[in-house]
Amino acid sequence: MSEILQSERQGRVLRVTLHRPEKRNALNAALCRELVEVFENANLDPSIGAILLMGSGKAFCAGMDISEISAGTNDEIAEANEKLFTIGARLDIPLIAAVDGGAFGGGVGLLANCHIVLASERAEFGLTEIRLGLWPFLIYRTVTAAIGERRATELSLTGRIIDAREAREIGIVHQVIPNFAVTAMGIAESVANFSPTAVRKGLGFVRETRDIDWKMAGEIGRRTRNEVFAAADFQEGLRAFLEKRSPKWPSIA
C-alpha cells in the first residue's frame, strides 16, 4: 500500500483515499501519478463498478503542493496535473467523491472530474490560487465545464471560500449529506451495482457527444441505445422489471 494513497475494495466499490494528512492531502506530482494509475487500472477491471474518492484527516485536498514548486520541476508537475485533471473524460466507470473538510484549488479541479460529488455539511470549497498571485490554469477548463465560465471566473478572481450549500447551488456538489460516511458508501455501492453495460455505454455517450452538434449527437444516441437494447444486461433488466425482482446483470464479473 502506498504511503500517500490508500485503496480498499468493498464489494464492487474501490475506495481510494488521499493520504497526506500532514499536508492536507496536497497534490504533489507523485500523488497525481498514483491517482491516475489507480483510476486507469480500476477502469480496466470489470469487477469494479465505481470508485469512491475520499481524503484522510481534516481536509479533502488543499490543492497543489506549493512546497514542491521550483524552476526545475514545473514541467514535471504540469504534466502530472494535466493527466489527473483530465481523467474524468477517460473513465468508463463512475468516479464519486466524498468531501469532508476543505477542497481548494486543485482539489476543486479533482472534484470537477468526478461524476458525482457528495459533501458533508462542514465541507468548504474555493479556487484560492489568486491569493498566491496565481490563476487556476490547469483546472479552469474542467471547472468551467462543471459550473460555467462566469461562476468559475468569479471564484478565480475573488479566491473566496464557499460552504457546502453554495457549492451545491452552483454545481460543484450534487448532494450535501448529514450522515456522511455511511451515506457516501451507500450511494457508491448503489451506483456500482447498476448494469456495467449501461454505465459504460452511458459514460461513453457523454464523452463522445461532448461539444458536437445535436444532429450528430442524436445519431450517436440512437446507435448506442440500439447496442444497449441488444445487450444481455438490458434483456435481464426488462425481465426483472416484469417479474418484479432485482436484476442479476450478466456483465458483472
C-alpha atoms as a PDB file:
ATOM      1  CA  MET A   1       0.000   0.000   0.000  1.00  0.00           C
ATOM      2  CA  SER A   2       1.294   3.450  -0.904  1.00  0.00           C
ATOM      3  CA  GLU A   3       2.176   5.868   1.872  1.00  0.00           C
ATOM      4  CA  ILE A   4       0.349   8.720   0.131  1.00  0.00           C
ATOM      5  CA  LEU A   5      -2.605   6.916  -1.463  1.00  0.00           C
ATOM      6  CA  GLN A   6      -4.669   4.111   0.049  1.00  0.00           C
ATOM      7  CA  SER A   7      -7.126   1.856  -1.750  1.00  0.00           C
ATOM      8  CA  GLU A   8      -9.503  -0.788  -0.439  1.00  0.00           C
ATOM      9  CA  ARG A   9     -12.149  -2.946  -2.093  1.00  0.00           C
ATOM     10  CA  GLN A  10     -15.645  -3.112  -0.639  1.00  0.00           C
ATOM     11  CA  GLY A  11     -17.740  -5.284  -2.927  1.00  0.00           C
ATOM     12  CA  ARG A  12     -17.774  -3.619  -6.341  1.00  0.00           C
ATOM     13  CA  VAL A  13     -16.589  -0.284  -4.910  1.00  0.00           C
ATOM     14  CA  LEU A  14     -12.913   0.678  -4.879  1.00  0.00           C
ATOM     15  CA  ARG A  15     -12.424   3.191  -2.072  1.00  0.00           C
ATOM     16  CA  VAL A  16      -9.423   5.423  -2.753  1.00  0.00           C
ATOM     17  CA  THR A  17      -8.168   7.747  -0.010  1.00  0.00           C
ATOM     18  CA  LEU A  18      -5.721  10.627  -0.401  1.00  0.00           C
ATOM     19  CA  HIS A  19      -3.316  10.065   2.461  1.00  0.00           C
ATOM     20  CA  ARG A  20      -1.106  13.068   3.104  1.00  0.00           C
ATOM     21  CA  PRO A  21      -2.969  14.388   6.169  1.00  0.00           C
ATOM     22  CA  GLU A  22       0.058  16.349   7.381  1.00  0.00           C
ATOM     23  CA  LYS A  23      -0.089  18.271   4.060  1.00  0.00           C
ATOM     24  CA  ARG A  24      -3.891  18.416   3.980  1.00  0.00           C
ATOM     25  CA  ASN A  25      -3.680  15.925   1.072  1.00  0.00           C
ATOM     26  CA  ALA A  26      -1.988  18.453  -1.198  1.00  0.00           C
ATOM     27  CA  LEU A  27      -1.323  17.185  -4.710  1.00  0.00           C
ATOM     28  CA  ASN A  28       2.348  16.663  -5.401  1.00  0.00           C
ATOM     29  CA  ALA A  29       3.494  15.042  -8.647  1.00  0.00           C
ATOM     30  CA  ALA A  30       3.801  11.599  -7.063  1.00  0.00           C
ATOM     31  CA  LEU A  31       0.238  11.662  -5.726  1.00  0.00           C
ATOM     32  CA  CYS A  32      -1.102  12.843  -9.087  1.00  0.00           C
ATOM     33  CA  ARG A  33       0.657   9.998 -10.875  1.00  0.00           C
ATOM     34  CA  GLU A  34      -0.526   7.398  -8.367  1.00  0.00           C
ATOM     35  CA  LEU A  35      -4.116   8.611  -8.623  1.00  0.00           C
ATOM     36  CA  VAL A  36      -4.064   8.367 -12.416  1.00  0.00           C
ATOM     37  CA  GLU A  37      -2.582   4.869 -12.256  1.00  0.00           C
ATOM     38  CA  VAL A  38      -5.171   3.630  -9.739  1.00  0.00           C
ATOM     39  CA  PHE A  39      -8.072   5.159 -11.676  1.00  0.00           C
ATOM     40  CA  GLU A  40      -6.906   3.781 -15.034  1.00  0.00           C
ATOM     41  CA  ASN A  41      -6.313   0.292 -13.612  1.00  0.00           C
ATOM     42  CA  ALA A  42      -9.762   0.311 -11.996  1.00  0.00           C
ATOM     43  CA  ASN A  43     -11.258   1.352 -15.311  1.00  0.00           C
ATOM     44  CA  LEU A  44      -9.912  -1.855 -16.871  1.00  0.00           C
ATOM     45  CA  ASP A  45     -11.170  -4.129 -14.079  1.00  0.00           C
ATOM     46  CA  PRO A  46     -14.690  -5.464 -14.811  1.00  0.00           C
ATOM     47  CA  SER A  47     -15.140  -6.444 -11.152  1.00  0.00           C
ATOM     48  CA  ILE A  48     -15.059  -2.759 -10.112  1.00  0.00           C
ATOM     49  CA  GLY A  49     -18.298  -0.849 -10.612  1.00  0.00           C
ATOM     50  CA  ALA A  50     -17.393   2.517  -9.068  1.00  0.00           C
ATOM     51  CA  ILE A  51     -14.562   4.425  -7.404  1.00  0.00           C
ATOM     52  CA  LEU A  52     -15.195   6.329  -4.168  1.00  0.00           C
ATOM     53  CA  LEU A  53     -12.584   9.056  -3.605  1.00  0.00           C
ATOM     54  CA  MET A  54     -12.029  10.484  -0.120  1.00  0.00           C
ATOM     55  CA  GLY A  55      -9.403  12.357   1.863  1.00  0.00           C
ATOM     56  CA  SER A  56      -7.803  11.420   5.174  1.00  0.00           C
ATOM     57  CA  GLY A  57      -7.544  13.829   8.073  1.00  0.00           C
ATOM     58  CA  LYS A  58      -9.305  17.167   8.323  1.00  0.00           C
ATOM     59  CA  ALA A  59      -9.176  18.140   4.618  1.00  0.00           C
ATOM     60  CA  PHE A  60     -10.216  16.542   1.347  1.00  0.00           C
ATOM     61  CA  CYS A  61      -7.488  18.208  -0.711  1.00  0.00           C
ATOM     62  CA  ALA A  62      -5.702  21.546  -0.250  1.00  0.00           C
ATOM     63  CA  GLY A  63      -4.761  21.728  -3.938  1.00  0.00           C
ATOM     64  CA  MET A  64      -1.283  21.896  -5.410  1.00  0.00           C
ATOM     65  CA  ASP A  65       1.656  21.209  -3.108  1.00  0.00           C
ATOM     66  CA  ILE A  66       3.343  24.615  -3.131  1.00  0.00           C
ATOM     67  CA  SER A  67       6.453  23.286  -1.390  1.00  0.00           C
ATOM     68  CA  GLU A  68       7.257  21.153  -4.453  1.00  0.00           C
ATOM     69  CA  ILE A  69       7.349  24.033  -6.936  1.00  0.00           C
ATOM     70  CA  SER A  70      10.727  25.103  -8.275  1.00  0.00           C
ATOM     71  CA  ALA A  71      12.106  26.120 -11.628  1.00  0.00           C
ATOM     72  CA  GLY A  72      13.355  22.592 -12.222  1.00  0.00           C
ATOM     73  CA  THR A  73      10.103  20.738 -11.504  1.00  0.00           C
ATOM     74  CA  ASN A  74       7.377  22.901 -13.062  1.00  0.00           C
ATOM     75  CA  ASP A  75       7.146  20.869 -16.308  1.00  0.00           C
ATOM     76  CA  GLU A  76       7.015  17.590 -14.406  1.00  0.00           C
ATOM     77  CA  ILE A  77       4.267  18.856 -12.104  1.00  0.00           C
ATOM     78  CA  ALA A  78       2.290  20.334 -15.010  1.00  0.00           C
ATOM     79  CA  GLU A  79       2.391  17.017 -16.889  1.00  0.00           C
ATOM     80  CA  ALA A  80       1.217  15.072 -13.832  1.00  0.00           C
ATOM     81  CA  ASN A  81      -1.529  17.638 -13.184  1.00  0.00           C
ATOM     82  CA  GLU A  82      -2.735  17.559 -16.790  1.00  0.00           C
ATOM     83  CA  LYS A  83      -3.156  13.777 -16.746  1.00  0.00           C
ATOM     84  CA  LEU A  84      -5.064  13.930 -13.466  1.00  0.00           C
ATOM     85  CA  PHE A  85      -7.258  16.923 -14.264  1.00  0.00           C
ATOM     86  CA  THR A  86      -8.498  15.319 -17.491  1.00  0.00           C
ATOM     87  CA  ILE A  87      -9.087  11.843 -16.035  1.00  0.00           C
ATOM     88  CA  GLY A  88     -12.876  12.237 -15.923  1.00  0.00           C
ATOM     89  CA  ALA A  89     -13.009  12.352 -19.712  1.00  0.00           C
ATOM     90  CA  ARG A  90     -11.268   8.964 -19.954  1.00  0.00           C
ATOM     91  CA  LEU A  91     -13.144   6.874 -17.383  1.00  0.00           C
ATOM     92  CA  ASP A  92     -15.915   4.416 -18.229  1.00  0.00           C
ATOM     93  CA  ILE A  93     -16.833   3.741 -14.591  1.00  0.00           C
ATOM     94  CA  PRO A  94     -18.290   6.277 -12.154  1.00  0.00           C
ATOM     95  CA  LEU A  95     -15.857   8.341 -10.109  1.00  0.00           C
ATOM     96  CA  ILE A  96     -17.594   9.505  -6.924  1.00  0.00           C
ATOM     97  CA  ALA A  97     -16.038  11.968  -4.483  1.00  0.00           C
ATOM     98  CA  ALA A  98     -16.977  12.277  -0.822  1.00  0.00           C
ATOM     99  CA  VAL A  99     -15.744  15.578   0.628  1.00  0.00           C
ATOM    100  CA  ASP A 100     -15.449  16.118   4.371  1.00  0.00           C
ATOM    101  CA  GLY A 101     -13.402  19.242   5.045  1.00  0.00           C
ATOM    102  CA  GLY A 102     -11.713  21.642   2.660  1.00  0.00           C
ATOM    103  CA  ALA A 103     -11.273  21.286  -1.109  1.00  0.00           C
ATOM    104  CA  PHE A 104      -9.291  24.156  -2.580  1.00  0.00           C
ATOM    105  CA  GLY A 105      -7.586  24.913  -5.889  1.00  0.00           C
ATOM    106  CA  GLY A 106      -6.584  21.626  -7.466  1.00  0.00           C
ATOM    107  CA  GLY A 107      -8.899  19.864  -5.030  1.00  0.00           C
ATOM    108  CA  VAL A 108     -11.827  21.556  -6.770  1.00  0.00           C
ATOM    109  CA  GLY A 109     -10.289  20.602 -10.118  1.00  0.00           C
ATOM    110  CA  LEU A 110     -10.230  16.996  -8.971  1.00  0.00           C
ATOM    111  CA  LEU A 111     -13.900  17.215  -7.951  1.00  0.00           C
ATOM    112  CA  ALA A 112     -14.834  18.692 -11.332  1.00  0.00           C
ATOM    113  CA  ASN A 113     -13.587  15.443 -12.902  1.00  0.00           C
ATOM    114  CA  CYS A 114     -15.905  13.335 -10.734  1.00  0.00           C
ATOM    115  CA  HIS A 115     -19.276  12.132 -11.987  1.00  0.00           C
ATOM    116  CA  ILE A 116     -20.896  12.502  -8.549  1.00  0.00           C
ATOM    117  CA  VAL A 117     -19.718  14.748  -5.695  1.00  0.00           C
ATOM    118  CA  LEU A 118     -21.060  14.287  -2.162  1.00  0.00           C
ATOM    119  CA  ALA A 119     -20.205  16.626   0.703  1.00  0.00           C
ATOM    120  CA  SER A 120     -20.606  16.787   4.446  1.00  0.00           C
ATOM    121  CA  GLU A 121     -22.192  19.856   5.973  1.00  0.00           C
ATOM    122  CA  ARG A 122     -18.777  21.120   7.126  1.00  0.00           C
ATOM    123  CA  ALA A 123     -17.099  20.907   3.705  1.00  0.00           C
ATOM    124  CA  GLU A 124     -15.644  24.076   2.147  1.00  0.00           C
ATOM    125  CA  PHE A 125     -14.524  24.898  -1.377  1.00  0.00           C
ATOM    126  CA  GLY A 126     -12.555  27.597  -3.180  1.00  0.00           C
ATOM    127  CA  LEU A 127     -10.366  28.474  -6.138  1.00  0.00           C
ATOM    128  CA  THR A 128      -7.803  30.196  -3.963  1.00  0.00           C
ATOM    129  CA  GLU A 129      -4.837  30.441  -6.369  1.00  0.00           C
ATOM    130  CA  ILE A 130      -5.293  34.202  -6.808  1.00  0.00           C
ATOM    131  CA  ARG A 131      -4.210  34.671  -3.177  1.00  0.00           C
ATOM    132  CA  LEU A 132      -0.776  33.385  -4.217  1.00  0.00           C
ATOM    133  CA  GLY A 133      -0.565  35.576  -7.304  1.00  0.00           C
ATOM    134  CA  LEU A 134      -1.615  32.648  -9.489  1.00  0.00           C
ATOM    135  CA  TRP A 135      -4.572  31.565 -11.665  1.00  0.00           C
ATOM    136  CA  PRO A 136      -6.087  28.038 -11.734  1.00  0.00           C
ATOM    137  CA  PHE A 137      -4.828  27.457 -15.274  1.00  0.00           C
ATOM    138  CA  LEU A 138      -4.731  23.663 -15.409  1.00  0.00           C
ATOM    139  CA  ILE A 139      -8.110  23.079 -13.754  1.00  0.00           C
ATOM    140  CA  TYR A 140     -10.001  26.005 -15.275  1.00  0.00           C
ATOM    141  CA  ARG A 141     -11.359  24.098 -18.307  1.00  0.00           C
ATOM    142  CA  THR A 142     -12.742  21.258 -16.223  1.00  0.00           C
ATOM    143  CA  VAL A 143     -14.199  23.540 -13.554  1.00  0.00           C
ATOM    144  CA  THR A 144     -15.813  25.683 -16.265  1.00  0.00           C
ATOM    145  CA  ALA A 145     -17.388  22.591 -17.823  1.00  0.00           C
ATOM    146  CA  ALA A 146     -18.831  21.726 -14.404  1.00  0.00           C
ATOM    147  CA  ILE A 147     -20.143  25.107 -13.217  1.00  0.00           C
ATOM    148  CA  GLY A 148     -19.946  27.502 -16.178  1.00  0.00           C
ATOM    149  CA  GLU A 149     -17.459  30.169 -17.179  1.00  0.00           C
ATOM    150  CA  ARG A 150     -18.949  33.072 -15.218  1.00  0.00           C
ATOM    151  CA  ARG A 151     -19.027  31.119 -11.932  1.00  0.00           C
ATOM    152  CA  ALA A 152     -15.525  29.768 -12.471  1.00  0.00           C
ATOM    153  CA  THR A 153     -14.178  33.213 -13.308  1.00  0.00           C
ATOM    154  CA  GLU A 154     -15.809  34.846 -10.285  1.00  0.00           C
ATOM    155  CA  LEU A 155     -14.402  32.232  -7.922  1.00  0.00           C
ATOM    156  CA  SER A 156     -10.984  32.520  -9.578  1.00  0.00           C
ATOM    157  CA  LEU A 157     -10.961  36.326  -9.262  1.00  0.00           C
ATOM    158  CA  THR A 158     -12.176  36.541  -5.672  1.00  0.00           C
ATOM    159  CA  GLY A 159     -10.490  33.457  -4.201  1.00  0.00           C
ATOM    160  CA  ARG A 160     -13.411  33.305  -1.800  1.00  0.00           C
ATOM    161  CA  ILE A 161     -14.278  30.160   0.146  1.00  0.00           C
ATOM    162  CA  ILE A 162     -17.834  28.847  -0.105  1.00  0.00           C
ATOM    163  CA  ASP A 163     -19.724  26.395   2.068  1.00  0.00           C
ATOM    164  CA  ALA A 164     -21.317  23.106   1.004  1.00  0.00           C
ATOM    165  CA  ARG A 165     -24.731  24.690   0.480  1.00  0.00           C
ATOM    166  CA  GLU A 166     -23.458  27.257  -2.018  1.00  0.00           C
ATOM    167  CA  ALA A 167     -21.239  24.647  -3.664  1.00  0.00           C
ATOM    168  CA  ARG A 168     -24.363  22.569  -4.281  1.00  0.00           C
ATOM    169  CA  GLU A 169     -26.257  25.569  -5.650  1.00  0.00           C
ATOM    170  CA  ILE A 170     -23.587  26.319  -8.265  1.00  0.00           C
ATOM    171  CA  GLY A 171     -22.892  22.716  -9.247  1.00  0.00           C
ATOM    172  CA  ILE A 172     -19.603  21.767  -7.597  1.00  0.00           C
ATOM    173  CA  VAL A 173     -21.506  19.423  -5.260  1.00  0.00           C
ATOM    174  CA  HIS A 174     -24.503  17.237  -6.097  1.00  0.00           C
ATOM    175  CA  GLN A 175     -25.639  16.291  -2.587  1.00  0.00           C
ATOM    176  CA  VAL A 176     -24.938  17.540   0.928  1.00  0.00           C
ATOM    177  CA  ILE A 177     -25.370  14.579   3.273  1.00  0.00           C
ATOM    178  CA  PRO A 178     -25.580  14.709   7.084  1.00  0.00           C
ATOM    179  CA  ASN A 179     -24.743  11.039   7.791  1.00  0.00           C
ATOM    180  CA  PHE A 180     -21.628  11.416   5.707  1.00  0.00           C
ATOM    181  CA  ALA A 181     -19.522   8.237   5.759  1.00  0.00           C
ATOM    182  CA  VAL A 182     -22.432   5.767   5.754  1.00  0.00           C
ATOM    183  CA  THR A 183     -24.433   7.590   3.081  1.00  0.00           C
ATOM    184  CA  ALA A 184     -21.461   8.130   0.759  1.00  0.00           C
ATOM    185  CA  MET A 185     -20.570   4.431   0.695  1.00  0.00           C
ATOM    186  CA  GLY A 186     -24.232   3.504   0.297  1.00  0.00           C
ATOM    187  CA  ILE A 187     -24.568   5.721  -2.775  1.00  0.00           C
ATOM    188  CA  ALA A 188     -21.322   4.358  -4.228  1.00  0.00           C
ATOM    189  CA  GLU A 189     -22.479   0.765  -3.698  1.00  0.00           C
ATOM    190  CA  SER A 190     -25.818   1.507  -5.333  1.00  0.00           C
ATOM    191  CA  VAL A 191     -24.174   3.046  -8.406  1.00  0.00           C
ATOM    192  CA  ALA A 192     -21.566   0.268  -8.594  1.00  0.00           C
ATOM    193  CA  ASN A 193     -24.278  -2.388  -8.752  1.00  0.00           C
ATOM    194  CA  PHE A 194     -26.154  -0.985 -11.731  1.00  0.00           C
ATOM    195  CA  SER A 195     -25.648  -2.592 -15.139  1.00  0.00           C
ATOM    196  CA  PRO A 196     -21.965  -2.235 -16.151  1.00  0.00           C
ATOM    197  CA  THR A 197     -23.038  -2.265 -19.787  1.00  0.00           C
ATOM    198  CA  ALA A 198     -25.451   0.636 -19.323  1.00  0.00           C
ATOM    199  CA  VAL A 199     -22.978   2.634 -17.212  1.00  0.00           C
ATOM    200  CA  ARG A 200     -20.028   2.223 -19.583  1.00  0.00           C
ATOM    201  CA  LYS A 201     -22.127   2.875 -22.677  1.00  0.00           C
ATOM    202  CA  GLY A 202     -23.726   5.884 -20.984  1.00  0.00           C
ATOM    203  CA  LEU A 203     -20.456   7.484 -19.930  1.00  0.00           C
ATOM    204  CA  GLY A 204     -19.015   6.741 -23.353  1.00  0.00           C
ATOM    205  CA  PHE A 205     -22.000   8.506 -24.919  1.00  0.00           C
ATOM    206  CA  VAL A 206     -21.471  11.556 -22.690  1.00  0.00           C
ATOM    207  CA  ARG A 207     -17.816  11.705 -23.711  1.00  0.00           C
ATOM    208  CA  GLU A 208     -18.429  11.079 -27.421  1.00  0.00           C
ATOM    209  CA  THR A 209     -21.175  13.694 -27.765  1.00  0.00           C
ATOM    210  CA  ARG A 210     -19.451  16.481 -25.860  1.00  0.00           C
ATOM    211  CA  ASP A 211     -19.175  19.650 -27.981  1.00  0.00           C
ATOM    212  CA  ILE A 212     -20.707  18.221 -31.156  1.00  0.00           C
ATOM    213  CA  ASP A 213     -23.882  19.318 -32.939  1.00  0.00           C
ATOM    214  CA  TRP A 214     -27.280  17.989 -31.888  1.00  0.00           C
ATOM    215  CA  LYS A 215     -27.923  16.045 -35.084  1.00  0.00           C
ATOM    216  CA  MET A 216     -24.725  14.055 -34.818  1.00  0.00           C
ATOM    217  CA  ALA A 217     -25.289  13.549 -31.079  1.00  0.00           C
ATOM    218  CA  GLY A 218     -28.761  12.200 -31.850  1.00  0.00           C
ATOM    219  CA  GLU A 219     -27.330   9.714 -34.338  1.00  0.00           C
ATOM    220  CA  ILE A 220     -24.781   8.529 -31.794  1.00  0.00           C
ATOM    221  CA  GLY A 221     -27.543   8.272 -29.194  1.00  0.00           C
ATOM    222  CA  ARG A 222     -29.700   6.074 -31.449  1.00  0.00           C
ATOM    223  CA  ARG A 223     -26.759   3.844 -32.327  1.00  0.00           C
ATOM    224  CA  THR A 224     -25.670   3.444 -28.712  1.00  0.00           C
ATOM    225  CA  ARG A 225     -29.216   2.812 -27.483  1.00  0.00           C
ATOM    226  CA  ASN A 226     -29.627   0.027 -30.059  1.00  0.00           C
ATOM    227  CA  GLU A 227     -26.393  -1.531 -28.814  1.00  0.00           C
ATOM    228  CA  VAL A 228     -27.714  -1.447 -25.244  1.00  0.00           C
ATOM    229  CA  PHE A 229     -31.093  -2.832 -26.365  1.00  0.00           C
ATOM    230  CA  ALA A 230     -29.281  -5.845 -27.836  1.00  0.00           C
ATOM    231  CA  ALA A 231     -27.131  -6.433 -24.745  1.00  0.00           C
ATOM    232  CA  ALA A 232     -27.810  -9.225 -22.245  1.00  0.00           C
ATOM    233  CA  ASP A 233     -27.993  -6.742 -19.355  1.00  0.00           C
ATOM    234  CA  PHE A 234     -30.976  -4.915 -20.833  1.00  0.00           C
ATOM    235  CA  GLN A 235     -32.791  -8.169 -21.558  1.00  0.00           C
ATOM    236  CA  GLU A 236     -32.258  -9.222 -17.948  1.00  0.00           C
ATOM    237  CA  GLY A 237     -33.289  -5.796 -16.662  1.00  0.00           C
ATOM    238  CA  LEU A 238     -36.506  -5.943 -18.664  1.00  0.00           C
ATOM    239  CA  ARG A 239     -37.334  -9.454 -17.428  1.00  0.00           C
ATOM    240  CA  ALA A 240     -36.589  -8.478 -13.835  1.00  0.00           C
ATOM    241  CA  PHE A 241     -38.852  -5.425 -14.112  1.00  0.00           C
ATOM    242  CA  LEU A 242     -41.737  -7.505 -15.473  1.00  0.00           C
ATOM    243  CA  GLU A 243     -41.182 -10.202 -12.865  1.00  0.00           C
ATOM    244  CA  LYS A 244     -40.883  -7.625 -10.056  1.00  0.00           C
ATOM    245  CA  ARG A 245     -37.452  -8.797  -8.851  1.00  0.00           C
ATOM    246  CA  SER A 246     -33.941  -7.413  -8.633  1.00  0.00           C
ATOM    247  CA  PRO A 247     -31.875  -7.944 -11.809  1.00  0.00           C
ATOM    248  CA  LYS A 248     -28.773 -10.124 -11.918  1.00  0.00           C
ATOM    249  CA  TRP A 249     -26.624  -8.404 -14.529  1.00  0.00           C
ATOM    250  CA  PRO A 250     -24.847 -10.908 -16.821  1.00  0.00           C
ATOM    251  CA  SER A 251     -21.956  -8.469 -17.356  1.00  0.00           C
ATOM    252  CA  ILE A 252     -20.981  -8.345 -13.675  1.00  0.00           C
ATOM    253  CA  ALA A 253     -17.822 -10.402 -13.293  1.00  0.00           C
END
